[in-house]
Amino acid sequence: FKNNGVEGLKESHTWRRYSKELKQAAVIDYLEGKATLNGCCEKYNISDDRVLRQWISKYTNSSELKDTTGGRNKMRSTRKTTLEERIKIVKNTISKGDNYAWACEKYNISYNQIYNWVRKFKTNGVEGLKDNRGKRLKDRTSPTLSQEEKYTLEVSKLKKELAEKEMEIEILKKLYTLRKEVKK
């Protein structure tokens, strides 16, 4: 409130950006005893003393303090893409040195999605980018199956039916036994 008035009391839904220089100045002021944690937070308009403690920890452990970038990209809602579009996105991402953040912004697709496409492309080529959801062996049309695959599917289908019938018989037996006991 002292630094920002009523605006400072509102809940923030965004990351505050701090420069490397501001971070270093706040940490040095604290370490040299020029100000307390709260005093540094007020002086440099730092959102919370926990933020300053993290900077101090990094600084004292010889980690480099960097400019705050504004946090991670939010999870984007998925959108449908064609195989050709996925290939283009992956190739452009790879040509930019696997810069996934750049691709997120350019194509409006989540970081994880682009990362997975690139990984699949590097492992399996264009075949890895194909959408094979719902195309399991049992769902394929019969002309594409070999005779052995057809028999395997038929056996698994019959086994499933048999298990269901056996379960039905067991349930009926238990029901019959329960009805007998109730009548007594």
C-alpha atoms as a PDB file:
ATOM      1  CA  PHE A   1       0.000   0.000   0.000  1.00  0.00           C
ATOM      2  CA  LYS A   2       2.890   2.361   0.843  1.00  0.00           C
ATOM      3  CA  ASN A   3       4.438   1.931  -2.614  1.00  0.00           C
ATOM      4  CA  ASN A   4       1.405   1.419  -4.864  1.00  0.00           C
ATOM      5  CA  GLY A   5      -1.629   2.656  -2.934  1.00  0.00           C
ATOM      6  CA  VAL A   6      -4.894   0.765  -3.428  1.00  0.00           C
ATOM      7  CA  GLU A   7      -3.504  -0.893  -6.601  1.00  0.00           C
ATOM      8  CA  GLY A   8      -0.901  -2.602  -4.424  1.00  0.00           C
ATOM      9  CA  LEU A   9      -3.639  -4.342  -2.447  1.00  0.00           C
ATOM     10  CA  LYS A  10      -5.328  -5.907  -5.453  1.00  0.00           C
ATOM     11  CA  GLU A  11      -4.619  -9.548  -6.184  1.00  0.00           C
ATOM     12  CA  SER A  12      -2.236  -9.902  -9.090  1.00  0.00           C
ATOM     13  CA  HIS A  13      -2.771 -12.487 -11.808  1.00  0.00           C
ATOM     14  CA  THR A  14       0.427 -11.717 -13.678  1.00  0.00           C
ATOM     15  CA  TRP A  15       4.142 -12.045 -13.008  1.00  0.00           C
ATOM     16  CA  ARG A  16       6.000  -8.966 -11.924  1.00  0.00           C
ATOM     17  CA  ARG A  17       9.050  -8.252 -14.047  1.00  0.00           C
ATOM     18  CA  TYR A  18      12.293  -7.384 -12.296  1.00  0.00           C
ATOM     19  CA  SER A  19      15.524  -6.459 -14.018  1.00  0.00           C
ATOM     20  CA  LYS A  20      18.792  -8.201 -13.225  1.00  0.00           C
ATOM     21  CA  GLU A  21      20.182  -4.886 -11.948  1.00  0.00           C
ATOM     22  CA  LEU A  22      17.270  -4.356  -9.545  1.00  0.00           C
ATOM     23  CA  LYS A  23      17.662  -7.882  -8.189  1.00  0.00           C
ATOM     24  CA  GLN A  24      21.393  -7.427  -7.619  1.00  0.00           C
ATOM     25  CA  ALA A  25      20.922  -4.023  -5.958  1.00  0.00           C
ATOM     26  CA  ALA A  26      18.277  -5.392  -3.572  1.00  0.00           C
ATOM     27  CA  VAL A  27      20.379  -8.443  -2.676  1.00  0.00           C
ATOM     28  CA  ILE A  28      23.535  -6.393  -2.096  1.00  0.00           C
ATOM     29  CA  ASP A  29      21.664  -3.851   0.049  1.00  0.00           C
ATOM     30  CA  TYR A  30      20.367  -6.684   2.209  1.00  0.00           C
ATOM     31  CA  LEU A  31      23.676  -8.566   2.442  1.00  0.00           C
ATOM     32  CA  GLU A  32      25.600  -5.381   3.298  1.00  0.00           C
ATOM     33  CA  GLY A  33      23.083  -4.642   6.056  1.00  0.00           C
ATOM     34  CA  LYS A  34      21.804  -1.426   4.473  1.00  0.00           C
ATOM     35  CA  ALA A  35      18.196  -2.629   4.788  1.00  0.00           C
ATOM     36  CA  THR A  36      16.086  -5.429   6.228  1.00  0.00           C
ATOM     37  CA  LEU A  37      14.139  -7.856   4.043  1.00  0.00           C
ATOM     38  CA  ASN A  38      11.007  -5.756   4.346  1.00  0.00           C
ATOM     39  CA  GLY A  39      13.023  -2.554   3.883  1.00  0.00           C
ATOM     40  CA  CYS A  40      14.487  -3.867   0.602  1.00  0.00           C
ATOM     41  CA  CYS A  41      11.046  -4.978  -0.560  1.00  0.00           C
ATOM     42  CA  GLU A  42       9.658  -1.500   0.071  1.00  0.00           C
ATOM     43  CA  LYS A  43      12.636   0.313  -1.438  1.00  0.00           C
ATOM     44  CA  TYR A  44      12.716  -1.755  -4.644  1.00  0.00           C
ATOM     45  CA  ASN A  45       8.950  -2.404  -4.855  1.00  0.00           C
ATOM     46  CA  ILE A  46       9.343  -6.202  -4.572  1.00  0.00           C
ATOM     47  CA  SER A  47       6.042  -8.066  -4.251  1.00  0.00           C
ATOM     48  CA  ASP A  48       7.021 -10.306  -1.316  1.00  0.00           C
ATOM     49  CA  ASP A  49      10.010 -10.996   0.924  1.00  0.00           C
ATOM     50  CA  ARG A  50       9.968 -14.637  -0.253  1.00  0.00           C
ATOM     51  CA  VAL A  51      10.890 -13.383  -3.716  1.00  0.00           C
ATOM     52  CA  LEU A  52      13.856 -11.498  -2.276  1.00  0.00           C
ATOM     53  CA  ARG A  53      14.906 -14.562  -0.247  1.00  0.00           C
ATOM     54  CA  GLN A  54      15.009 -16.628  -3.443  1.00  0.00           C
ATOM     55  CA  TRP A  55      17.243 -14.026  -5.089  1.00  0.00           C
ATOM     56  CA  ILE A  56      19.536 -13.976  -2.045  1.00  0.00           C
ATOM     57  CA  SER A  57      19.754 -17.769  -2.097  1.00  0.00           C
ATOM     58  CA  LYS A  58      20.664 -17.789  -5.790  1.00  0.00           C
ATOM     59  CA  TYR A  59      23.200 -15.004  -5.339  1.00  0.00           C
ATOM     60  CA  THR A  60      24.924 -16.643  -2.371  1.00  0.00           C
ATOM     61  CA  ASN A  61      25.020 -20.015  -4.170  1.00  0.00           C
ATOM     62  CA  SER A  62      26.834 -18.414  -7.105  1.00  0.00           C
ATOM     63  CA  SER A  63      23.869 -18.706  -9.456  1.00  0.00           C
ATOM     64  CA  GLU A  64      23.359 -15.900 -11.910  1.00  0.00           C
ATOM     65  CA  LEU A  65      20.447 -13.546 -11.326  1.00  0.00           C
ATOM     66  CA  LYS A  66      18.575 -12.966 -14.577  1.00  0.00           C
ATOM     67  CA  ASP A  67      15.864 -10.597 -15.757  1.00  0.00           C
ATOM     68  CA  THR A  68      12.386 -11.894 -14.935  1.00  0.00           C
ATOM     69  CA  THR A  69      10.790 -12.947 -18.176  1.00  0.00           C
ATOM     70  CA  GLY A  70       7.193 -12.860 -16.996  1.00  0.00           C
ATOM     71  CA  GLY A  71       6.677 -16.519 -16.155  1.00  0.00           C
ATOM     72  CA  ARG A  72       5.818 -19.553 -18.176  1.00  0.00           C
ATOM     73  CA  ASN A  73       3.470 -19.535 -21.114  1.00  0.00           C
ATOM     74  CA  LYS A  74      -0.066 -20.367 -20.089  1.00  0.00           C
ATOM     75  CA  MET A  75      -1.447 -23.654 -21.289  1.00  0.00           C
ATOM     76  CA  ARG A  76      -3.123 -22.938 -24.573  1.00  0.00           C
ATOM     77  CA  SER A  77      -6.340 -24.555 -25.593  1.00  0.00           C
ATOM     78  CA  THR A  78      -5.823 -27.216 -28.184  1.00  0.00           C
ATOM     79  CA  ARG A  79      -6.677 -26.628 -31.787  1.00  0.00           C
ATOM     80  CA  LYS A  80      -6.909 -29.072 -34.634  1.00  0.00           C
ATOM     81  CA  THR A  81      -3.940 -29.242 -36.966  1.00  0.00           C
ATOM     82  CA  THR A  82      -3.389 -31.105 -40.192  1.00  0.00           C
ATOM     83  CA  LEU A  83      -0.440 -33.403 -40.766  1.00  0.00           C
ATOM     84  CA  GLU A  84       1.014 -30.873 -43.223  1.00  0.00           C
ATOM     85  CA  GLU A  85       0.711 -28.102 -40.643  1.00  0.00           C
ATOM     86  CA  ARG A  86       2.413 -30.226 -37.958  1.00  0.00           C
ATOM     87  CA  ILE A  87       5.265 -31.015 -40.351  1.00  0.00           C
ATOM     88  CA  LYS A  88       5.719 -27.314 -41.142  1.00  0.00           C
ATOM     89  CA  ILE A  89       5.646 -26.334 -37.458  1.00  0.00           C
ATOM     90  CA  VAL A  90       8.154 -29.032 -36.494  1.00  0.00           C
ATOM     91  CA  LYS A  91      10.565 -28.206 -39.313  1.00  0.00           C
ATOM     92  CA  ASN A  92      10.451 -24.477 -38.510  1.00  0.00           C
ATOM     93  CA  THR A  93      10.971 -25.191 -34.806  1.00  0.00           C
ATOM     94  CA  ILE A  94      13.982 -27.400 -35.533  1.00  0.00           C
ATOM     95  CA  SER A  95      15.419 -24.803 -37.928  1.00  0.00           C
ATOM     96  CA  LYS A  96      15.219 -22.247 -35.096  1.00  0.00           C
ATOM     97  CA  GLY A  97      17.354 -24.496 -32.878  1.00  0.00           C
ATOM     98  CA  ASP A  98      14.420 -26.245 -31.161  1.00  0.00           C
ATOM     99  CA  ASN A  99      13.093 -22.900 -29.937  1.00  0.00           C
ATOM    100  CA  TYR A 100       9.765 -24.130 -28.544  1.00  0.00           C
ATOM    101  CA  ALA A 101       8.819 -20.803 -26.955  1.00  0.00           C
ATOM    102  CA  TRP A 102       9.163 -19.081 -30.335  1.00  0.00           C
ATOM    103  CA  ALA A 103       6.973 -21.735 -31.957  1.00  0.00           C
ATOM    104  CA  CYS A 104       4.336 -21.377 -29.197  1.00  0.00           C
ATOM    105  CA  GLU A 105       3.966 -17.700 -29.953  1.00  0.00           C
ATOM    106  CA  LYS A 106       4.125 -18.018 -33.731  1.00  0.00           C
ATOM    107  CA  TYR A 107       1.669 -20.909 -34.135  1.00  0.00           C
ATOM    108  CA  ASN A 108      -0.484 -20.461 -30.994  1.00  0.00           C
ATOM    109  CA  ILE A 109       0.108 -24.028 -29.821  1.00  0.00           C
ATOM    110  CA  SER A 110       1.169 -25.199 -26.361  1.00  0.00           C
ATOM    111  CA  TYR A 111       4.819 -25.718 -25.507  1.00  0.00           C
ATOM    112  CA  ASN A 112       4.219 -29.360 -24.563  1.00  0.00           C
ATOM    113  CA  GLN A 113       2.464 -30.113 -27.838  1.00  0.00           C
ATOM    114  CA  ILE A 114       5.275 -28.696 -29.949  1.00  0.00           C
ATOM    115  CA  TYR A 115       7.899 -30.410 -27.788  1.00  0.00           C
ATOM    116  CA  ASN A 116       6.135 -33.771 -28.258  1.00  0.00           C
ATOM    117  CA  TRP A 117       5.799 -33.304 -32.021  1.00  0.00           C
ATOM    118  CA  VAL A 118       9.507 -32.490 -32.371  1.00  0.00           C
ATOM    119  CA  ARG A 119      10.474 -35.492 -30.225  1.00  0.00           C
ATOM    120  CA  LYS A 120       8.228 -37.825 -32.240  1.00  0.00           C
ATOM    121  CA  PHE A 121       9.498 -36.386 -35.524  1.00  0.00           C
ATOM    122  CA  LYS A 122      13.132 -36.896 -34.510  1.00  0.00           C
ATOM    123  CA  THR A 123      12.377 -40.479 -33.461  1.00  0.00           C
ATOM    124  CA  ASN A 124       9.950 -41.661 -36.172  1.00  0.00           C
ATOM    125  CA  GLY A 125      10.028 -39.012 -38.881  1.00  0.00           C
ATOM    126  CA  VAL A 126       6.782 -37.898 -40.511  1.00  0.00           C
ATOM    127  CA  GLU A 127       5.137 -41.173 -39.416  1.00  0.00           C
ATOM    128  CA  GLY A 128       5.445 -40.005 -35.794  1.00  0.00           C
ATOM    129  CA  LEU A 129       3.320 -36.919 -36.528  1.00  0.00           C
ATOM    130  CA  LYS A 130       0.350 -38.887 -37.845  1.00  0.00           C
ATOM    131  CA  ASP A 131      -2.731 -38.925 -35.642  1.00  0.00           C
ATOM    132  CA  ASN A 132      -3.417 -42.615 -35.025  1.00  0.00           C
ATOM    133  CA  ARG A 133      -5.996 -42.193 -32.300  1.00  0.00           C
ATOM    134  CA  GLY A 134      -8.779 -44.743 -32.589  1.00  0.00           C
ATOM    135  CA  LYS A 135      -6.849 -46.896 -35.049  1.00  0.00           C
ATOM    136  CA  ARG A 136      -6.056 -49.912 -32.887  1.00  0.00           C
ATOM    137  CA  LEU A 137      -5.801 -53.352 -34.440  1.00  0.00           C
ATOM    138  CA  LYS A 138      -9.329 -54.339 -33.386  1.00  0.00           C
ATOM    139  CA  ASP A 139     -10.791 -51.196 -34.996  1.00  0.00           C
ATOM    140  CA  ARG A 140      -9.216 -51.608 -38.420  1.00  0.00           C
ATOM    141  CA  THR A 141     -11.313 -52.764 -41.309  1.00  0.00           C
ATOM    142  CA  SER A 142     -10.969 -56.440 -42.136  1.00  0.00           C
ATOM    143  CA  PRO A 143      -9.518 -56.055 -45.684  1.00  0.00           C
ATOM    144  CA  THR A 144      -6.304 -54.629 -44.194  1.00  0.00           C
ATOM    145  CA  LEU A 145      -5.817 -57.561 -41.788  1.00  0.00           C
ATOM    146  CA  SER A 146      -3.898 -60.743 -42.490  1.00  0.00           C
ATOM    147  CA  GLN A 147      -5.624 -64.099 -41.966  1.00  0.00           C
ATOM    148  CA  GLU A 148      -3.716 -64.619 -38.701  1.00  0.00           C
ATOM    149  CA  GLU A 149      -4.783 -61.194 -37.382  1.00  0.00           C
ATOM    150  CA  LYS A 150      -8.406 -61.975 -38.267  1.00  0.00           C
ATOM    151  CA  TYR A 151      -8.251 -65.239 -36.320  1.00  0.00           C
ATOM    152  CA  THR A 152      -6.595 -63.516 -33.350  1.00  0.00           C
ATOM    153  CA  LEU A 153      -9.334 -60.899 -33.259  1.00  0.00           C
ATOM    154  CA  GLU A 154     -12.064 -63.527 -33.531  1.00  0.00           C
ATOM    155  CA  VAL A 155     -10.554 -65.592 -30.673  1.00  0.00           C
ATOM    156  CA  SER A 156     -10.254 -62.536 -28.400  1.00  0.00           C
ATOM    157  CA  LYS A 157     -13.850 -61.554 -29.214  1.00  0.00           C
ATOM    158  CA  LEU A 158     -15.122 -65.066 -28.383  1.00  0.00           C
ATOM    159  CA  LYS A 159     -13.106 -65.166 -25.139  1.00  0.00           C
ATOM    160  CA  LYS A 160     -14.657 -61.875 -24.074  1.00  0.00           C
ATOM    161  CA  GLU A 161     -18.168 -63.160 -24.846  1.00  0.00           C
ATOM    162  CA  LEU A 162     -17.485 -66.380 -22.913  1.00  0.00           C
ATOM    163  CA  ALA A 163     -16.253 -64.468 -19.858  1.00  0.00           C
ATOM    164  CA  GLU A 164     -19.392 -62.302 -19.916  1.00  0.00           C
ATOM    165  CA  LYS A 165     -21.657 -65.374 -20.127  1.00  0.00           C
ATOM    166  CA  GLU A 166     -19.806 -67.075 -17.249  1.00  0.00           C
ATOM    167  CA  MET A 167     -20.200 -63.939 -15.130  1.00  0.00           C
ATOM    168  CA  GLU A 168     -23.897 -63.790 -15.966  1.00  0.00           C
ATOM    169  CA  ILE A 169     -24.354 -67.442 -14.914  1.00  0.00           C
ATOM    170  CA  GLU A 170     -22.562 -66.798 -11.588  1.00  0.00           C
ATOM    171  CA  ILE A 171     -24.774 -63.794 -10.865  1.00  0.00           C
ATOM    172  CA  LEU A 172     -27.925 -65.801 -11.633  1.00  0.00           C
ATOM    173  CA  LYS A 173     -26.758 -68.631  -9.346  1.00  0.00           C
ATOM    174  CA  LYS A 174     -26.199 -66.173  -6.487  1.00  0.00           C
ATOM    175  CA  LEU A 175     -29.591 -64.581  -7.100  1.00  0.00           C
ATOM    176  CA  TYR A 176     -31.242 -68.005  -7.056  1.00  0.00           C
ATOM    177  CA  THR A 177     -29.495 -68.880  -3.762  1.00  0.00           C
ATOM    178  CA  LEU A 178     -30.548 -65.556  -2.186  1.00  0.00           C
ATOM    179  CA  ARG A 179     -34.185 -66.021  -3.211  1.00  0.00           C
ATOM    180  CA  LYS A 180     -34.189 -69.535  -1.699  1.00  0.00           C
ATOM    181  CA  GLU A 181     -32.851 -68.184   1.606  1.00  0.00           C
ATOM    182  CA  VAL A 182     -35.448 -65.395   1.706  1.00  0.00           C
ATOM    183  CA  LYS A 183     -38.313 -67.874   1.218  1.00  0.00           C
ATOM    184  CA  LYS A 184     -37.208 -69.969   4.236  1.00  0.00           C
END
